[in-house]
Amino acid sequence: MLEKLLAKEFIAPILIVAFSILIYGVISRIVKKIFRIRSKRINEKRQKTFVGLVNNIIKYFIVLVALMMILEVYGIDTKSLVASLGVVSLVAGLALQDLLKDIIAGFSILLEDQYSVGDVVTITGFTGTVISLGLKTTKVKAYTGEVKMISNRNISEVVNHSLEENNALIDVSISYEEDVEKVLTFFQDLCKRLSEELKLTHAAECLGVEELADSSVNFRIVVPAPYADKFTLARNFRKRIKEECDKVGIVIAYPQLVVHHG
């Protein structure tokens, strides 16, 4: 029993697996350090993406080498096996063409810097934050918590909301009885004050009358903000607009029905 436990066929594969895990850990740390040194040239999001992708490639390579070594232990001639790959490559290429397309598409996404880990994107109608960009798939997590895994080859169009600052659009409905010029001046001053209070990189702006609706005059306010923050900022603006309108007596409109008796 002891001889079997100490046999080459039992001990060697365990040592190969353990050594492979150790090598992968060391190399992945080295990769992280290299990219940390270069962090001044590469933004943090792209750095994470590069590190994840490089570690993926290293992992697959180490697994392949370890597998070949284990086969050698069991007496399988890996040299002839590798030589025979030339014959099998065509069949394998046809069988794995989707995987190859995913890998090529993944490199293309990375090299073109279409998006990185941490960016908010819309892919095939699904909007969320990129949590992983691998050789085969991209994982996107929605605001509500769902995670969608998308094959890289199926990503033909991407809307990246994180590349540039977004605009939160706020329409405020004011009663027809109010003075338009007075309301416009009020909103312009309010936008200036709130922009300073909230320390916006670009000031919010009231563009003027957007629509003459059935029961209201609608004013449009534009609040520049990063995509991740624009919804929170829009809610804060709406709250402050209501409070400030109440203070000065500007009436926010609500649907009304006027009935005329003949």
Protein backbone atom coordinates (compact mmCIF):
# COMPACT_ATOMS: atom_id res chain seq x y z
CA MET A 1 0.00 0.00 0.00
CA LEU A 2 2.82 2.40 0.95
CA GLU A 3 4.66 1.59 -2.27
CA LYS A 4 1.55 2.53 -4.29
CA LEU A 5 1.18 5.82 -2.43
CA LEU A 6 4.82 6.64 -3.09
CA ALA A 7 4.63 5.51 -6.69
CA LYS A 8 5.63 7.98 -9.37
CA GLU A 9 2.18 7.84 -10.98
CA PHE A 10 0.55 9.07 -7.75
CA ILE A 11 3.05 11.60 -6.35
CA ALA A 12 4.21 13.26 -9.59
CA PRO A 13 0.80 14.57 -10.75
CA ILE A 14 0.15 16.06 -7.29
CA LEU A 15 3.54 17.79 -7.33
CA ILE A 16 2.96 19.08 -10.88
CA VAL A 17 -0.44 20.55 -9.93
CA ALA A 18 0.95 22.12 -6.73
CA PHE A 19 3.95 23.56 -8.58
CA SER A 20 1.67 24.94 -11.34
CA ILE A 21 -0.51 26.71 -8.77
CA LEU A 22 2.61 28.17 -7.13
CA ILE A 23 4.03 29.34 -10.47
CA TYR A 24 0.71 30.93 -11.45
CA GLY A 25 0.55 32.81 -8.12
CA VAL A 26 4.10 34.13 -8.51
CA ILE A 27 3.64 35.20 -12.14
CA SER A 28 0.28 36.87 -11.46
CA ARG A 29 1.89 38.93 -8.66
CA ILE A 30 4.70 39.94 -11.00
CA VAL A 31 2.18 41.00 -13.65
CA LYS A 32 0.32 43.14 -11.08
CA LYS A 33 3.57 44.81 -9.99
CA ILE A 34 4.57 45.53 -13.60
CA PHE A 35 1.24 47.19 -14.34
CA ARG A 36 1.36 49.06 -11.02
CA ILE A 37 4.71 50.54 -12.06
CA ARG A 38 3.16 51.59 -15.38
CA SER A 39 0.01 52.93 -13.71
CA LYS A 40 1.03 56.51 -14.47
CA ARG A 41 0.65 55.80 -18.19
CA ILE A 42 -2.41 53.53 -18.01
CA ASN A 43 -5.64 54.53 -16.26
CA GLU A 44 -6.79 52.34 -13.37
CA LYS A 45 -9.77 50.78 -15.21
CA ARG A 46 -7.67 49.76 -18.21
CA GLN A 47 -4.94 48.49 -15.88
CA LYS A 48 -7.41 46.09 -14.20
CA THR A 49 -8.61 44.89 -17.58
CA PHE A 50 -5.08 44.23 -18.84
CA VAL A 51 -4.10 42.39 -15.64
CA GLY A 52 -7.22 40.19 -15.78
CA LEU A 53 -6.69 39.30 -19.44
CA VAL A 54 -2.94 38.59 -19.08
CA ASN A 55 -3.59 36.41 -16.02
CA ASN A 56 -6.21 34.51 -18.03
CA ILE A 57 -3.69 33.77 -20.79
CA ILE A 58 -1.04 32.69 -18.27
CA LYS A 59 -3.54 30.42 -16.50
CA TYR A 60 -4.52 28.63 -19.72
CA PHE A 61 -0.87 28.22 -20.73
CA ILE A 62 0.15 26.77 -17.34
CA VAL A 63 -2.82 24.38 -17.36
CA LEU A 64 -1.80 23.16 -20.83
CA VAL A 65 1.84 22.63 -19.84
CA ALA A 66 0.85 20.86 -16.60
CA LEU A 67 -1.51 18.58 -18.52
CA MET A 68 1.26 17.63 -20.96
CA MET A 69 3.64 16.87 -18.07
CA ILE A 70 1.05 14.66 -16.34
CA LEU A 71 0.49 12.75 -19.58
CA GLU A 72 4.25 12.18 -19.81
CA VAL A 73 4.19 10.71 -16.29
CA TYR A 74 1.64 8.13 -17.41
CA GLY A 75 3.78 7.15 -20.37
CA ILE A 76 1.92 8.97 -23.11
CA ASP A 77 4.26 10.28 -25.82
CA THR A 78 3.37 13.98 -25.86
CA LYS A 79 5.89 14.70 -28.66
CA SER A 80 4.00 12.53 -31.10
CA LEU A 81 0.79 13.96 -29.67
CA VAL A 82 1.94 17.50 -30.45
CA ALA A 83 3.08 16.38 -33.92
CA SER A 84 -0.32 14.91 -34.61
CA LEU A 85 -1.93 18.24 -33.77
CA GLY A 86 -1.06 19.38 -37.26
CA VAL A 87 -3.48 16.80 -38.63
CA VAL A 88 -6.11 17.51 -35.99
CA SER A 89 -5.78 21.31 -36.09
CA LEU A 90 -8.17 21.72 -39.01
CA VAL A 91 -10.89 19.70 -37.28
CA ALA A 92 -10.21 21.42 -33.96
CA GLY A 93 -10.24 24.81 -35.67
CA LEU A 94 -13.67 24.13 -37.12
CA ALA A 95 -14.95 22.81 -33.79
CA LEU A 96 -13.50 25.72 -31.81
CA GLN A 97 -14.06 28.51 -34.31
CA ASP A 98 -16.55 30.27 -32.01
CA LEU A 99 -14.01 30.21 -29.19
CA LEU A 100 -11.32 31.61 -31.50
CA LYS A 101 -13.72 34.36 -32.60
CA ASP A 102 -14.35 35.22 -28.92
CA ILE A 103 -10.62 35.44 -28.21
CA ILE A 104 -9.90 37.60 -31.28
CA ALA A 105 -12.85 39.87 -30.44
CA GLY A 106 -11.63 40.15 -26.83
CA PHE A 107 -8.18 41.30 -27.96
CA SER A 108 -9.79 43.75 -30.38
CA ILE A 109 -11.96 45.26 -27.62
CA LEU A 110 -8.90 45.65 -25.40
CA LEU A 111 -6.54 47.07 -28.02
CA GLU A 112 -9.13 49.55 -29.28
CA ASP A 113 -9.98 50.49 -25.68
CA GLN A 114 -13.71 50.20 -26.38
CA TYR A 115 -14.38 49.71 -22.67
CA SER A 116 -12.60 48.60 -19.51
CA VAL A 117 -13.52 47.00 -16.20
CA GLY A 118 -15.56 49.54 -14.23
CA ASP A 119 -17.07 51.32 -17.26
CA VAL A 120 -20.83 51.65 -17.59
CA VAL A 121 -21.88 50.30 -20.99
CA THR A 122 -24.91 49.26 -23.02
CA ILE A 123 -24.37 46.03 -24.99
CA THR A 124 -27.17 44.30 -26.91
CA GLY A 125 -29.71 46.42 -25.04
CA PHE A 126 -28.33 45.55 -21.57
CA THR A 127 -26.94 48.42 -19.47
CA GLY A 128 -24.59 47.92 -16.53
CA THR A 129 -21.06 48.06 -15.18
CA VAL A 130 -18.35 45.90 -16.75
CA ILE A 131 -17.12 43.59 -13.96
CA SER A 132 -14.99 41.27 -16.10
CA LEU A 133 -13.44 41.22 -19.57
CA GLY A 134 -12.07 37.76 -20.36
CA LEU A 135 -10.79 35.92 -23.39
CA LYS A 136 -14.23 34.46 -24.09
CA THR A 137 -16.87 36.59 -22.41
CA THR A 138 -17.63 40.02 -21.01
CA LYS A 139 -19.61 40.18 -17.75
CA VAL A 140 -21.87 43.18 -17.20
CA LYS A 141 -23.71 43.84 -13.92
CA ALA A 142 -26.92 45.86 -14.03
CA TYR A 143 -27.90 48.48 -11.44
CA THR A 144 -30.54 46.05 -10.14
CA GLY A 145 -27.97 43.27 -9.60
CA GLU A 146 -28.40 40.99 -12.63
CA VAL A 147 -25.17 39.84 -14.28
CA LYS A 148 -25.19 39.19 -18.03
CA MET A 149 -22.41 37.17 -19.68
CA ILE A 150 -21.95 38.16 -23.32
CA SER A 151 -19.75 36.27 -25.79
CA ASN A 152 -17.15 38.68 -27.17
CA ARG A 153 -17.91 37.66 -30.76
CA ASN A 154 -21.51 38.86 -30.34
CA ILE A 155 -20.47 42.37 -29.30
CA SER A 156 -20.85 44.40 -32.47
CA GLU A 157 -22.03 47.72 -31.00
CA VAL A 158 -21.16 49.23 -27.63
CA VAL A 159 -22.40 52.41 -25.98
CA ASN A 160 -19.80 53.46 -23.40
CA HIS A 161 -21.38 55.88 -20.92
CA SER A 162 -18.12 56.42 -19.01
CA LEU A 163 -15.89 57.91 -21.73
CA GLU A 164 -17.39 61.38 -21.54
CA GLU A 165 -19.50 63.32 -19.08
CA ASN A 166 -23.26 62.74 -19.44
CA ASN A 167 -26.17 65.16 -19.10
CA ALA A 168 -29.05 64.65 -16.71
CA LEU A 169 -32.14 66.28 -18.25
CA ILE A 170 -34.72 67.71 -15.85
CA ASP A 171 -38.02 69.11 -17.12
CA VAL A 172 -39.92 71.31 -14.66
CA SER A 173 -43.60 72.03 -15.33
CA ILE A 174 -44.67 75.53 -14.30
CA SER A 175 -48.20 76.97 -14.26
CA TYR A 176 -49.27 79.12 -17.24
CA GLU A 177 -50.12 81.92 -14.79
CA GLU A 178 -46.45 82.44 -13.88
CA ASP A 179 -44.26 85.09 -15.56
CA VAL A 180 -41.94 83.24 -18.00
CA GLU A 181 -39.02 85.69 -17.72
CA LYS A 182 -39.22 85.71 -13.93
CA VAL A 183 -39.18 81.89 -13.81
CA LEU A 184 -36.31 81.66 -16.31
CA THR A 185 -34.16 84.10 -14.30
CA PHE A 186 -35.00 82.20 -11.10
CA PHE A 187 -33.95 78.84 -12.59
CA GLN A 188 -30.72 80.29 -14.01
CA ASP A 189 -29.73 81.68 -10.60
CA LEU A 190 -30.75 78.42 -8.90
CA CYS A 191 -28.62 76.35 -11.30
CA LYS A 192 -25.61 78.53 -10.57
CA ARG A 193 -26.06 78.22 -6.79
CA LEU A 194 -26.66 74.45 -6.82
CA SER A 195 -23.65 73.88 -9.10
CA GLU A 196 -21.41 75.62 -6.56
CA GLU A 197 -22.98 73.80 -3.60
CA LEU A 198 -22.66 70.36 -5.21
CA LYS A 199 -19.19 71.20 -6.62
CA LEU A 200 -20.02 70.17 -10.18
CA THR A 201 -17.14 70.12 -12.66
CA HIS A 202 -19.39 71.94 -15.17
CA ALA A 203 -22.23 74.23 -14.14
CA ALA A 204 -25.86 73.19 -14.59
CA GLU A 205 -27.86 75.33 -17.00
CA CYS A 206 -31.49 76.21 -17.65
CA LEU A 207 -31.96 76.12 -21.42
CA GLY A 208 -35.34 77.84 -21.34
CA VAL A 209 -38.87 76.84 -22.34
CA GLU A 210 -38.83 73.28 -23.72
CA GLU A 211 -42.55 72.75 -24.31
CA LEU A 212 -45.93 74.45 -24.07
CA ALA A 213 -47.88 71.51 -22.68
CA ASP A 214 -51.62 71.15 -22.08
CA SER A 215 -51.49 72.29 -18.45
CA SER A 216 -48.00 73.72 -18.03
CA VAL A 217 -44.99 75.56 -19.43
CA ASN A 218 -42.08 73.11 -19.26
CA PHE A 219 -38.56 74.42 -18.58
CA ARG A 220 -35.53 72.24 -19.30
CA ILE A 221 -32.50 72.10 -16.97
CA VAL A 222 -29.30 70.29 -17.97
CA VAL A 223 -27.00 68.91 -15.26
CA PRO A 224 -23.59 67.64 -16.55
CA ALA A 225 -22.39 64.63 -14.54
CA PRO A 226 -20.67 61.25 -14.85
CA TYR A 227 -23.15 58.52 -15.81
CA ALA A 228 -22.84 56.79 -12.42
CA ASP A 229 -23.77 60.02 -10.58
CA LYS A 230 -26.28 61.67 -12.88
CA PHE A 231 -29.37 59.93 -11.49
CA THR A 232 -28.52 60.88 -7.90
CA LEU A 233 -27.77 64.46 -8.95
CA ALA A 234 -31.05 64.65 -10.87
CA ARG A 235 -32.99 63.53 -7.77
CA ASN A 236 -31.19 66.11 -5.61
CA PHE A 237 -31.90 68.84 -8.15
CA ARG A 238 -35.60 67.99 -8.34
CA LYS A 239 -35.87 68.07 -4.54
CA ARG A 240 -34.14 71.45 -4.30
CA ILE A 241 -36.17 72.89 -7.19
CA LYS A 242 -39.41 71.99 -5.40
CA GLU A 243 -38.17 73.49 -2.11
CA GLU A 244 -36.95 76.71 -3.75
CA CYS A 245 -40.12 77.12 -5.83
CA ASP A 246 -42.20 76.80 -2.67
CA LYS A 247 -40.09 79.50 -0.97
CA VAL A 248 -40.63 82.10 -3.70
CA GLY A 249 -44.20 81.07 -4.50
CA ILE A 250 -43.68 79.71 -8.02
CA VAL A 251 -46.44 77.19 -8.70
CA ILE A 252 -45.39 73.82 -10.14
CA ALA A 253 -48.16 72.76 -12.49
CA TYR A 254 -50.30 69.65 -12.26
CA PRO A 255 -52.83 68.24 -14.75
CA GLN A 256 -56.04 70.23 -14.87
CA LEU A 257 -59.26 69.94 -16.82
CA VAL A 258 -61.21 73.09 -17.73
CA VAL A 259 -64.92 72.57 -18.39
CA HIS A 260 -66.91 75.26 -20.25
CA HIS A 261 -70.69 75.33 -19.89
CA GLY A 262 -72.42 76.30 -23.16
